[in-house]
């Protein structure tokens, strides 16, 4: 069976450590079914997670009481860290990130969903400490407040801009008067109606129904 020294040496070898780490993380190495399909193969995902390039595929929790960080795409909370976009440093869970990847063995996307930078690349910086989480939360709050201020200012400018005067309405459709009437329009509708009755009686054969 070998000496105790050789057994200890084997247990501390990189191969043994790698197998142990894989066994510990095995349940977090592949997508957990948040989406029906994953464009990236399970082997590539597992390799990236074990190498520390992607956050683990841990189950997300609903509500802040679940702890961790909220993914702004699926709105679930993850206590084992999020991937951070290189362009604008926004966080997202691994399953959402994989949906944005081109597929196959490519762990990059065409475009960042937050700032539209091309291409989309993300890194995993480890499980954040409470201090880091607090700092990120405060930063996001400042960004949200700035966005609200800019949006309110834009709306205020729109409301204060004079509106273009409405085009004058077209004249109402004129009533058609009988041919024997003078070109001047009657002074009221009753006169118009009576004129039509007179015109009908003078142009309709006597055996037809008369208005009088």
Protein backbone atom coordinates (compact mmCIF):
# COMPACT_ATOMS: atom_id res chain seq x y z
CA UNK A 1 0.00 0.00 0.00
CA UNK A 2 3.04 2.29 0.21
CA UNK A 3 4.55 4.25 3.04
CA UNK A 4 2.67 7.04 4.86
CA UNK A 5 5.05 9.52 3.25
CA UNK A 6 4.18 8.39 -0.27
CA UNK A 7 0.44 8.40 0.51
CA UNK A 8 0.64 11.96 1.81
CA UNK A 9 2.61 12.96 -1.25
CA UNK A 10 -0.05 11.46 -3.53
CA UNK A 11 -2.87 13.25 -1.70
CA UNK A 12 -1.11 16.60 -2.14
CA UNK A 13 -0.41 16.14 -5.85
CA UNK A 14 -2.08 18.50 -8.32
CA UNK A 15 -3.98 15.62 -9.93
CA UNK A 16 -5.49 14.48 -6.64
CA UNK A 17 -6.34 18.05 -5.66
CA UNK A 18 -7.99 18.60 -9.02
CA UNK A 19 -10.13 15.46 -8.64
CA UNK A 20 -11.10 16.44 -5.12
CA UNK A 21 -12.03 19.96 -6.20
CA UNK A 22 -14.08 18.58 -9.09
CA UNK A 23 -15.97 16.24 -6.77
CA UNK A 24 -16.73 19.06 -4.35
CA UNK A 25 -18.02 21.29 -7.15
CA UNK A 26 -19.61 18.62 -9.31
CA UNK A 27 -23.17 19.70 -8.58
CA UNK A 28 -22.32 23.26 -9.66
CA UNK A 29 -20.45 22.48 -12.90
CA UNK A 30 -23.35 22.36 -15.34
CA UNK A 31 -26.44 24.53 -15.93
CA UNK A 32 -29.29 23.74 -13.57
CA UNK A 33 -32.15 24.13 -16.05
CA UNK A 34 -32.93 27.83 -15.75
CA UNK A 35 -33.17 27.77 -19.55
CA UNK A 36 -34.27 24.91 -21.79
CA UNK A 37 -31.04 24.83 -23.80
CA UNK A 38 -27.46 25.97 -23.31
CA UNK A 39 -25.49 27.01 -26.42
CA UNK A 40 -22.15 26.06 -24.81
CA UNK A 41 -21.23 22.41 -24.24
CA UNK A 42 -21.27 21.10 -20.66
CA UNK A 43 -17.61 20.10 -20.87
CA UNK A 44 -16.48 23.63 -21.74
CA UNK A 45 -18.64 25.07 -18.96
CA UNK A 46 -17.29 22.64 -16.36
CA UNK A 47 -13.70 23.30 -17.42
CA UNK A 48 -14.17 27.07 -17.15
CA UNK A 49 -15.76 26.79 -13.70
CA UNK A 50 -13.00 24.52 -12.38
CA UNK A 51 -10.37 26.91 -13.75
CA UNK A 52 -12.07 29.81 -11.98
CA UNK A 53 -13.03 31.63 -15.18
CA UNK A 54 -16.78 31.29 -14.58
CA UNK A 55 -18.95 31.43 -11.49
CA UNK A 56 -20.49 28.17 -10.36
CA UNK A 57 -23.95 27.20 -11.61
CA UNK A 58 -25.47 27.45 -8.16
CA UNK A 59 -29.23 27.56 -7.60
CA UNK A 60 -30.62 31.06 -7.46
CA UNK A 61 -32.86 32.26 -4.68
CA UNK A 62 -35.85 34.58 -4.82
CA UNK A 63 -35.65 37.74 -2.74
CA UNK A 64 -32.84 39.43 -0.87
CA UNK A 65 -33.26 37.02 2.03
CA UNK A 66 -31.60 34.40 -0.20
CA UNK A 67 -28.36 36.32 0.22
CA UNK A 68 -25.64 37.12 -2.27
CA UNK A 69 -25.97 39.22 -5.39
CA UNK A 70 -28.92 39.67 -7.71
CA UNK A 71 -28.51 38.82 -11.37
CA UNK A 72 -30.08 41.74 -13.29
CA UNK A 73 -31.24 39.40 -16.06
CA UNK A 74 -33.06 36.59 -14.24
CA UNK A 75 -33.54 38.59 -10.98
CA UNK A 76 -32.43 35.66 -8.81
CA UNK A 77 -29.91 35.98 -5.97
CA UNK A 78 -26.67 33.98 -5.94
CA UNK A 79 -24.52 33.49 -2.87
CA UNK A 80 -21.55 32.01 -4.75
CA UNK A 81 -20.76 35.03 -6.88
CA UNK A 82 -21.59 36.41 -10.31
CA UNK A 83 -19.57 36.85 -13.47
CA UNK A 84 -18.47 40.44 -14.12
CA UNK A 85 -18.53 41.93 -17.60
CA UNK A 86 -15.16 43.34 -18.64
CA UNK A 87 -16.69 46.32 -20.43
CA UNK A 88 -19.02 47.87 -17.84
CA UNK A 89 -18.46 45.61 -14.81
CA UNK A 90 -22.04 44.47 -14.50
CA UNK A 91 -22.73 41.14 -12.83
CA UNK A 92 -24.72 38.23 -14.23
CA UNK A 93 -25.13 34.60 -13.29
CA UNK A 94 -23.43 31.89 -15.33
CA UNK A 95 -26.62 30.50 -16.87
CA UNK A 96 -27.68 33.92 -18.15
CA UNK A 97 -24.17 34.62 -19.43
CA UNK A 98 -24.09 31.32 -21.31
CA UNK A 99 -27.32 32.23 -23.08
CA UNK A 100 -25.53 35.26 -24.54
CA UNK A 101 -22.51 33.29 -25.75
CA UNK A 102 -22.08 32.39 -29.39
CA UNK A 103 -22.10 28.68 -28.56
CA UNK A 104 -19.94 25.61 -29.00
CA UNK A 105 -16.62 26.19 -27.24
CA UNK A 106 -16.83 29.98 -27.39
CA UNK A 107 -17.27 31.65 -24.01
CA UNK A 108 -17.91 35.12 -25.37
CA UNK A 109 -20.99 36.85 -26.68
CA UNK A 110 -21.67 39.16 -29.57
CA UNK A 111 -22.80 42.16 -27.51
CA UNK A 112 -23.07 43.24 -23.89
CA UNK A 113 -26.74 43.47 -22.83
CA UNK A 114 -25.97 46.42 -20.54
CA UNK A 115 -23.73 48.80 -22.51
CA UNK A 116 -23.88 47.23 -26.02
CA UNK A 117 -20.10 46.82 -26.15
CA UNK A 118 -18.88 44.27 -28.68
CA UNK A 119 -17.88 41.55 -28.00
CA UNK A 120 -19.20 40.44 -24.61
CA UNK A 121 -16.60 38.98 -22.25
CA UNK A 122 -16.96 38.24 -18.55
CA UNK A 123 -14.69 37.08 -15.75
CA UNK A 124 -15.22 35.58 -12.31
CA UNK A 125 -13.48 37.40 -9.48
CA UNK A 126 -14.46 35.02 -6.71
CA UNK A 127 -17.18 35.01 -4.09
CA UNK A 128 -17.41 38.62 -2.90
CA UNK A 129 -17.01 39.49 0.75
CA UNK A 130 -19.75 41.38 2.62
CA UNK A 131 -17.69 44.55 2.23
CA UNK A 132 -17.48 44.13 -1.55
CA UNK A 133 -21.20 43.41 -1.74
CA UNK A 134 -21.95 46.55 0.24
CA UNK A 135 -19.65 48.65 -1.98
CA UNK A 136 -21.29 47.28 -5.14
CA UNK A 137 -24.74 47.95 -3.74
CA UNK A 138 -23.83 51.55 -2.91
CA UNK A 139 -22.33 52.03 -6.37
CA UNK A 140 -25.48 50.69 -8.03
CA UNK A 141 -27.61 52.97 -5.87
CA UNK A 142 -25.59 55.99 -7.02
CA UNK A 143 -25.98 54.91 -10.65
CA UNK A 144 -29.74 54.48 -10.21
CA UNK A 145 -30.04 57.92 -8.59
CA UNK A 146 -28.03 59.53 -11.40
CA UNK A 147 -30.18 57.81 -14.02
CA UNK A 148 -33.34 59.02 -12.25
CA UNK A 149 -31.98 62.58 -12.12
CA UNK A 150 -31.12 62.61 -15.83
CA UNK A 151 -34.47 61.06 -16.73
CA UNK A 152 -36.38 63.62 -14.63
CA UNK A 153 -34.41 66.50 -16.18
CA UNK A 154 -35.13 65.22 -19.68
CA UNK A 155 -38.84 64.92 -18.90
CA UNK A 156 -38.88 68.42 -17.40
CA UNK A 157 -37.26 69.85 -20.54
CA UNK A 158 -39.83 68.12 -22.70
CA UNK A 159 -42.70 69.54 -20.67
CA UNK A 160 -41.25 73.08 -20.73
CA UNK A 161 -40.73 73.08 -24.52
CA UNK A 162 -43.51 75.05 -26.25
CA UNK A 163 -45.74 72.79 -28.23
CA UNK A 164 -46.30 73.43 -31.91
CA UNK A 165 -49.65 75.10 -32.50
CA UNK A 166 -52.22 72.75 -33.88
CA UNK A 167 -53.05 73.21 -37.54
CA UNK A 168 -56.37 74.98 -38.11
CA UNK A 169 -59.19 72.60 -38.67
CA UNK A 170 -60.53 72.29 -42.17
CA UNK A 171 -63.86 73.91 -42.93
CA UNK A 172 -66.78 71.57 -42.30
CA UNK A 173 -68.19 69.90 -45.36
CA UNK A 174 -70.72 72.18 -46.96
CA UNK A 175 -74.25 70.92 -47.45
CA UNK A 176 -75.27 70.31 -51.05
CA UNK A 177 -78.18 72.49 -51.97
CA UNK A 178 -80.74 71.93 -54.70
CA UNK A 179 -79.76 73.23 -58.16
CA UNK A 180 -82.50 75.87 -58.18
CA UNK A 181 -81.28 77.37 -54.94
CA UNK A 182 -79.11 80.46 -55.06
CA UNK A 183 -75.41 79.98 -54.50
CA UNK A 184 -75.63 81.61 -51.09
CA UNK A 185 -76.10 79.06 -48.34
CA UNK A 186 -79.36 79.17 -46.34
CA UNK A 187 -79.17 80.81 -42.97
CA UNK A 188 -80.14 77.67 -41.07
CA UNK A 189 -80.62 73.92 -41.46
CA UNK A 190 -84.43 74.14 -41.51
CA UNK A 191 -84.30 76.34 -44.59
CA UNK A 192 -82.01 73.80 -46.26
CA UNK A 193 -84.35 70.89 -45.50
CA UNK A 194 -87.39 72.80 -46.78
CA UNK A 195 -85.51 73.64 -49.95
CA UNK A 196 -84.81 69.96 -50.57
CA UNK A 197 -88.51 69.12 -50.06
CA UNK A 198 -89.55 71.78 -52.56
CA UNK A 199 -86.96 70.60 -55.06
CA UNK A 200 -88.06 66.97 -54.68
CA UNK A 201 -91.76 67.82 -55.21
CA UNK A 202 -91.04 69.83 -58.34
CA UNK A 203 -88.86 67.16 -59.98
CA UNK A 204 -90.70 63.95 -59.00
CA UNK A 205 -93.61 62.53 -61.09
CA UNK A 206 -96.99 62.91 -59.41
CA UNK A 207 -97.59 59.17 -59.05
CA UNK A 208 -94.43 58.86 -56.91
CA UNK A 209 -94.42 59.32 -53.18
CA UNK A 210 -94.39 62.99 -52.35
CA UNK A 211 -92.81 64.72 -49.38
CA UNK A 212 -95.99 66.85 -48.93
